[in-house]
Amino acid sequence: MKPAITFEDFLKVDIRIGTIIEVNDFPKARKPAYQLKIDFGVLGIKKSSAQITDLYTKEDLLNKQVSAIINFKPRQIANFMSECLVLGIYNTDGNVVLLQANKSAKNGEEIS
């Protein structure tokens, strides 16, 4: 278990719903990954590198709504600048399963 944080610490994390509008292979990544473009509505389009190739095809991901942390500082991954972190959990096989809303939500809606 990780160390306890305060509620104020949690409030600093900006988690939003967005829709994947573009998916590309990312051959320069150290581990298999996709380059994603995600539409967060009025917050704009952000890019993310996601190691989710084991369970998801590019076709599966296109137009899928996902949850992402959008207020991390951008991170350079190979030749790609990742601007947000798509959220998921590792299943028993060690593959990432995306966290997502069970009903459609407006792009950019905040998770609280």
N, C-alpha and C. Protein backbone atom coordinates (compact mmCIF):
# COMPACT_ATOMS: atom_id res chain seq x y z
N MET A 1 0.85 -1.18 0.00
CA MET A 1 0.00 0.00 0.00
C MET A 1 0.89 1.24 0.00
N LYS A 2 0.43 2.28 -0.66
CA LYS A 2 1.18 3.53 -0.74
C LYS A 2 0.89 4.38 0.50
N PRO A 3 1.75 5.38 0.77
CA PRO A 3 1.51 6.23 1.93
C PRO A 3 0.20 7.01 1.82
N ALA A 4 -0.39 7.32 2.97
CA ALA A 4 -1.63 8.09 3.00
C ALA A 4 -1.38 9.50 2.49
N ILE A 5 -2.39 10.04 1.83
CA ILE A 5 -2.35 11.43 1.37
C ILE A 5 -3.54 12.16 1.97
N THR A 6 -3.48 13.46 1.90
CA THR A 6 -4.60 14.25 2.41
C THR A 6 -5.64 14.42 1.30
N PHE A 7 -6.83 14.83 1.68
CA PHE A 7 -7.87 15.12 0.71
C PHE A 7 -7.42 16.27 -0.20
N GLU A 8 -6.68 17.21 0.37
CA GLU A 8 -6.17 18.34 -0.43
C GLU A 8 -5.20 17.84 -1.50
N ASP A 9 -4.40 16.81 -1.18
CA ASP A 9 -3.51 16.21 -2.19
C ASP A 9 -4.34 15.62 -3.32
N PHE A 10 -5.40 14.90 -2.98
CA PHE A 10 -6.26 14.30 -3.99
C PHE A 10 -6.89 15.36 -4.90
N LEU A 11 -7.28 16.49 -4.31
CA LEU A 11 -7.93 17.54 -5.09
C LEU A 11 -7.01 18.15 -6.14
N LYS A 12 -5.71 17.97 -6.00
CA LYS A 12 -4.75 18.48 -6.98
C LYS A 12 -4.75 17.66 -8.27
N VAL A 13 -5.24 16.44 -8.21
CA VAL A 13 -5.24 15.54 -9.37
C VAL A 13 -6.48 15.84 -10.21
N ASP A 14 -6.26 16.20 -11.47
CA ASP A 14 -7.36 16.54 -12.38
C ASP A 14 -7.63 15.35 -13.30
N ILE A 15 -8.69 14.59 -12.97
CA ILE A 15 -9.06 13.40 -13.74
C ILE A 15 -10.30 13.74 -14.56
N ARG A 16 -10.21 13.51 -15.86
CA ARG A 16 -11.29 13.87 -16.78
C ARG A 16 -11.64 12.72 -17.72
N ILE A 17 -12.82 12.82 -18.30
CA ILE A 17 -13.27 11.89 -19.33
C ILE A 17 -12.95 12.49 -20.69
N GLY A 18 -12.42 11.67 -21.58
CA GLY A 18 -12.16 12.10 -22.94
C GLY A 18 -12.41 10.96 -23.92
N THR A 19 -12.53 11.31 -25.18
CA THR A 19 -12.76 10.32 -26.23
C THR A 19 -11.53 10.22 -27.12
N ILE A 20 -11.08 8.99 -27.33
CA ILE A 20 -9.92 8.76 -28.21
C ILE A 20 -10.36 9.02 -29.65
N ILE A 21 -9.66 9.97 -30.30
CA ILE A 21 -10.03 10.32 -31.68
C ILE A 21 -8.99 9.87 -32.70
N GLU A 22 -7.82 9.44 -32.22
CA GLU A 22 -6.79 8.95 -33.14
C GLU A 22 -5.90 7.97 -32.38
N VAL A 23 -5.54 6.88 -33.06
CA VAL A 23 -4.68 5.85 -32.48
C VAL A 23 -3.62 5.49 -33.50
N ASN A 24 -2.35 5.56 -33.09
CA ASN A 24 -1.25 5.20 -33.98
C ASN A 24 -0.30 4.25 -33.28
N ASP A 25 0.35 3.38 -34.05
CA ASP A 25 1.40 2.53 -33.50
C ASP A 25 2.54 3.42 -33.01
N PHE A 26 3.31 2.91 -32.06
CA PHE A 26 4.43 3.67 -31.50
C PHE A 26 5.67 2.78 -31.49
N PRO A 27 6.26 2.57 -32.68
CA PRO A 27 7.39 1.63 -32.79
C PRO A 27 8.63 2.05 -32.02
N LYS A 28 8.79 3.33 -31.70
CA LYS A 28 9.99 3.79 -30.98
C LYS A 28 9.88 3.62 -29.47
N ALA A 29 8.72 3.25 -28.96
CA ALA A 29 8.55 3.04 -27.52
C ALA A 29 9.32 1.79 -27.09
N ARG A 30 9.89 1.83 -25.86
CA ARG A 30 10.63 0.67 -25.35
C ARG A 30 9.73 -0.54 -25.19
N LYS A 31 8.51 -0.33 -24.66
CA LYS A 31 7.52 -1.39 -24.51
C LYS A 31 6.40 -1.11 -25.51
N PRO A 32 5.75 -2.15 -26.02
CA PRO A 32 4.68 -1.93 -27.01
C PRO A 32 3.64 -0.93 -26.50
N ALA A 33 3.33 0.06 -27.32
CA ALA A 33 2.40 1.13 -26.92
C ALA A 33 1.74 1.73 -28.15
N TYR A 34 0.68 2.48 -27.88
CA TYR A 34 0.02 3.28 -28.91
C TYR A 34 0.23 4.75 -28.58
N GLN A 35 0.21 5.58 -29.61
CA GLN A 35 0.12 7.03 -29.45
C GLN A 35 -1.35 7.38 -29.63
N LEU A 36 -1.91 8.04 -28.62
CA LEU A 36 -3.33 8.39 -28.64
C LEU A 36 -3.50 9.90 -28.73
N LYS A 37 -4.55 10.34 -29.40
CA LYS A 37 -5.03 11.71 -29.31
C LYS A 37 -6.42 11.61 -28.69
N ILE A 38 -6.61 12.38 -27.61
CA ILE A 38 -7.84 12.29 -26.84
C ILE A 38 -8.51 13.65 -26.78
N ASP A 39 -9.80 13.68 -27.10
CA ASP A 39 -10.59 14.91 -27.10
C ASP A 39 -11.20 15.11 -25.71
N PHE A 40 -10.80 16.20 -25.04
CA PHE A 40 -11.33 16.54 -23.73
C PHE A 40 -12.27 17.74 -23.82
N GLY A 41 -12.99 17.85 -24.92
CA GLY A 41 -13.99 18.91 -25.09
C GLY A 41 -13.36 20.30 -25.04
N VAL A 42 -13.91 21.17 -24.18
CA VAL A 42 -13.43 22.56 -24.11
C VAL A 42 -11.99 22.64 -23.61
N LEU A 43 -11.47 21.56 -23.03
CA LEU A 43 -10.08 21.55 -22.56
C LEU A 43 -9.10 21.22 -23.68
N GLY A 44 -9.62 20.84 -24.83
CA GLY A 44 -8.77 20.59 -25.99
C GLY A 44 -8.40 19.13 -26.18
N ILE A 45 -7.51 18.93 -27.12
CA ILE A 45 -7.03 17.59 -27.48
C ILE A 45 -5.65 17.41 -26.87
N LYS A 46 -5.46 16.26 -26.20
CA LYS A 46 -4.17 15.96 -25.58
C LYS A 46 -3.67 14.63 -26.12
N LYS A 47 -2.34 14.49 -26.12
CA LYS A 47 -1.70 13.27 -26.59
C LYS A 47 -1.26 12.42 -25.40
N SER A 48 -1.27 11.10 -25.60
CA SER A 48 -0.82 10.19 -24.56
C SER A 48 -0.19 8.96 -25.20
N SER A 49 0.84 8.45 -24.55
CA SER A 49 1.41 7.15 -24.90
C SER A 49 0.81 6.15 -23.93
N ALA A 50 0.28 5.05 -24.45
CA ALA A 50 -0.38 4.07 -23.58
C ALA A 50 0.05 2.65 -23.93
N GLN A 51 0.51 1.93 -22.92
CA GLN A 51 0.94 0.54 -23.09
C GLN A 51 -0.27 -0.38 -22.92
N ILE A 52 -1.13 -0.36 -23.92
CA ILE A 52 -2.40 -1.10 -23.85
C ILE A 52 -2.60 -1.98 -25.08
N THR A 53 -1.50 -2.38 -25.71
CA THR A 53 -1.58 -3.14 -26.96
C THR A 53 -1.98 -4.60 -26.75
N ASP A 54 -1.84 -5.13 -25.54
CA ASP A 54 -2.15 -6.54 -25.31
C ASP A 54 -3.65 -6.83 -25.41
N LEU A 55 -4.47 -5.93 -24.90
CA LEU A 55 -5.91 -6.19 -24.85
C LEU A 55 -6.73 -5.37 -25.83
N TYR A 56 -6.12 -4.35 -26.44
CA TYR A 56 -6.89 -3.44 -27.29
C TYR A 56 -6.24 -3.27 -28.65
N THR A 57 -7.06 -3.35 -29.69
CA THR A 57 -6.58 -3.02 -31.03
C THR A 57 -6.84 -1.53 -31.27
N LYS A 58 -6.24 -1.02 -32.32
CA LYS A 58 -6.48 0.39 -32.66
C LYS A 58 -7.97 0.62 -32.94
N GLU A 59 -8.61 -0.35 -33.57
CA GLU A 59 -10.03 -0.23 -33.88
C GLU A 59 -10.88 -0.23 -32.60
N ASP A 60 -10.48 -1.05 -31.60
CA ASP A 60 -11.19 -1.08 -30.32
C ASP A 60 -11.16 0.28 -29.64
N LEU A 61 -10.04 0.97 -29.77
CA LEU A 61 -9.81 2.21 -29.02
C LEU A 61 -10.45 3.44 -29.66
N LEU A 62 -10.54 3.45 -30.97
CA LEU A 62 -11.07 4.63 -31.66
C LEU A 62 -12.49 4.91 -31.20
N ASN A 63 -12.74 6.13 -30.76
CA ASN A 63 -14.03 6.61 -30.26
C ASN A 63 -14.41 6.06 -28.88
N LYS A 64 -13.48 5.42 -28.18
CA LYS A 64 -13.72 4.92 -26.83
C LYS A 64 -13.48 6.05 -25.83
N GLN A 65 -14.37 6.17 -24.85
CA GLN A 65 -14.16 7.14 -23.78
C GLN A 65 -13.25 6.52 -22.73
N VAL A 66 -12.31 7.33 -22.22
CA VAL A 66 -11.36 6.88 -21.22
C VAL A 66 -11.26 7.93 -20.11
N SER A 67 -10.71 7.50 -18.99
CA SER A 67 -10.41 8.40 -17.88
C SER A 67 -8.92 8.69 -17.94
N ALA A 68 -8.55 9.95 -17.69
CA ALA A 68 -7.13 10.32 -17.75
C ALA A 68 -6.82 11.45 -16.78
N ILE A 69 -5.60 11.44 -16.28
CA ILE A 69 -5.10 12.56 -15.49
C ILE A 69 -4.53 13.56 -16.49
N ILE A 70 -5.05 14.79 -16.46
CA ILE A 70 -4.65 15.76 -17.48
C ILE A 70 -3.73 16.85 -16.97
N ASN A 71 -3.40 16.83 -15.67
CA ASN A 71 -2.54 17.91 -15.17
C ASN A 71 -1.15 17.45 -14.75
N PHE A 72 -0.67 16.34 -15.31
CA PHE A 72 0.73 15.99 -15.17
C PHE A 72 1.54 16.89 -16.10
N LYS A 73 2.78 17.15 -15.74
CA LYS A 73 3.66 17.85 -16.67
C LYS A 73 3.91 16.93 -17.86
N PRO A 74 3.98 17.48 -19.08
CA PRO A 74 4.25 16.63 -20.25
C PRO A 74 5.54 15.83 -20.07
N ARG A 75 5.53 14.62 -20.64
CA ARG A 75 6.67 13.71 -20.48
C ARG A 75 7.12 13.22 -21.86
N GLN A 76 8.40 13.36 -22.12
CA GLN A 76 8.97 12.90 -23.38
C GLN A 76 9.15 11.39 -23.33
N ILE A 77 8.55 10.69 -24.29
CA ILE A 77 8.70 9.25 -24.42
C ILE A 77 9.18 9.00 -25.84
N ALA A 78 10.46 8.62 -25.95
CA ALA A 78 11.12 8.50 -27.26
C ALA A 78 10.96 9.83 -28.00
N ASN A 79 10.35 9.81 -29.19
CA ASN A 79 10.19 11.04 -29.98
C ASN A 79 8.79 11.64 -29.83
N PHE A 80 8.09 11.32 -28.74
CA PHE A 80 6.69 11.69 -28.55
C PHE A 80 6.51 12.38 -27.20
N MET A 81 5.73 13.47 -27.18
CA MET A 81 5.46 14.17 -25.93
C MET A 81 4.08 13.75 -25.42
N SER A 82 4.05 13.04 -24.29
CA SER A 82 2.81 12.58 -23.68
C SER A 82 2.31 13.66 -22.73
N GLU A 83 1.04 14.07 -22.91
CA GLU A 83 0.49 15.21 -22.17
C GLU A 83 -0.52 14.82 -21.09
N CYS A 84 -0.91 13.56 -21.07
CA CYS A 84 -1.85 13.10 -20.04
C CYS A 84 -1.60 11.61 -19.80
N LEU A 85 -2.16 11.11 -18.70
CA LEU A 85 -1.99 9.70 -18.34
C LEU A 85 -3.35 9.02 -18.35
N VAL A 86 -3.52 8.09 -19.29
CA VAL A 86 -4.75 7.31 -19.37
C VAL A 86 -4.72 6.30 -18.23
N LEU A 87 -5.85 6.17 -17.52
CA LEU A 87 -5.90 5.32 -16.33
C LEU A 87 -6.35 3.90 -16.65
N GLY A 88 -5.71 2.96 -15.99
CA GLY A 88 -6.05 1.56 -16.12
C GLY A 88 -5.53 0.77 -14.94
N ILE A 89 -5.88 -0.49 -14.90
CA ILE A 89 -5.38 -1.39 -13.86
C ILE A 89 -4.74 -2.59 -14.54
N TYR A 90 -3.81 -3.23 -13.84
CA TYR A 90 -3.22 -4.47 -14.35
C TYR A 90 -4.11 -5.64 -13.94
N ASN A 91 -4.47 -6.47 -14.92
CA ASN A 91 -5.25 -7.67 -14.60
C ASN A 91 -4.31 -8.78 -14.13
N THR A 92 -4.84 -9.95 -13.87
CA THR A 92 -4.02 -11.05 -13.33
C THR A 92 -2.95 -11.52 -14.31
N ASP A 93 -3.12 -11.23 -15.59
CA ASP A 93 -2.12 -11.59 -16.59
C ASP A 93 -1.07 -10.50 -16.80
N GLY A 94 -1.20 -9.39 -16.08
CA GLY A 94 -0.25 -8.29 -16.21
C GLY A 94 -0.54 -7.35 -17.36
N ASN A 95 -1.75 -7.44 -17.92
CA ASN A 95 -2.16 -6.55 -19.01
C ASN A 95 -2.99 -5.40 -18.45
N VAL A 96 -2.89 -4.23 -19.10
CA VAL A 96 -3.62 -3.06 -18.63
C VAL A 96 -5.06 -3.10 -19.14
N VAL A 97 -6.01 -2.94 -18.20
CA VAL A 97 -7.43 -2.82 -18.51
C VAL A 97 -7.81 -1.37 -18.25
N LEU A 98 -8.36 -0.70 -19.25
CA LEU A 98 -8.71 0.71 -19.13
C LEU A 98 -9.83 0.94 -18.13
N LEU A 99 -9.72 2.04 -17.37
CA LEU A 99 -10.81 2.49 -16.51
C LEU A 99 -11.67 3.45 -17.32
N GLN A 100 -12.97 3.24 -17.30
CA GLN A 100 -13.84 4.10 -18.07
C GLN A 100 -15.22 4.16 -17.42
N ALA A 101 -15.96 5.19 -17.76
CA ALA A 101 -17.31 5.36 -17.24
C ALA A 101 -18.20 4.27 -17.84
N ASN A 102 -19.20 3.82 -17.07
CA ASN A 102 -20.09 2.80 -17.61
C ASN A 102 -21.24 3.39 -18.43
N LYS A 103 -21.33 4.71 -18.47
CA LYS A 103 -22.28 5.41 -19.33
C LYS A 103 -21.53 6.54 -20.02
N SER A 104 -22.03 6.95 -21.17
CA SER A 104 -21.40 8.02 -21.93
C SER A 104 -21.40 9.31 -21.10
N ALA A 105 -20.31 10.05 -21.20
CA ALA A 105 -20.20 11.33 -20.48
C ALA A 105 -19.68 12.38 -21.46
N LYS A 106 -19.88 13.63 -21.13
CA LYS A 106 -19.41 14.73 -21.96
C LYS A 106 -17.89 14.81 -21.85
N ASN A 107 -17.21 14.95 -22.99
CA ASN A 107 -15.76 15.08 -22.99
C ASN A 107 -15.35 16.26 -22.11
N GLY A 108 -14.37 16.03 -21.25
CA GLY A 108 -13.88 17.07 -20.37
C GLY A 108 -14.51 17.05 -18.99
N GLU A 109 -15.56 16.24 -18.79
CA GLU A 109 -16.19 16.16 -17.48
C GLU A 109 -15.18 15.69 -16.44
N GLU A 110 -15.24 16.32 -15.27
CA GLU A 110 -14.30 15.99 -14.21
C GLU A 110 -14.81 14.81 -13.39
N ILE A 111 -13.88 13.93 -13.05
CA ILE A 111 -14.19 12.80 -12.18
C ILE A 111 -13.93 13.26 -10.76
N SER A 112 -14.93 13.07 -9.90
CA SER A 112 -14.77 13.51 -8.51
C SER A 112 -15.18 12.42 -7.55
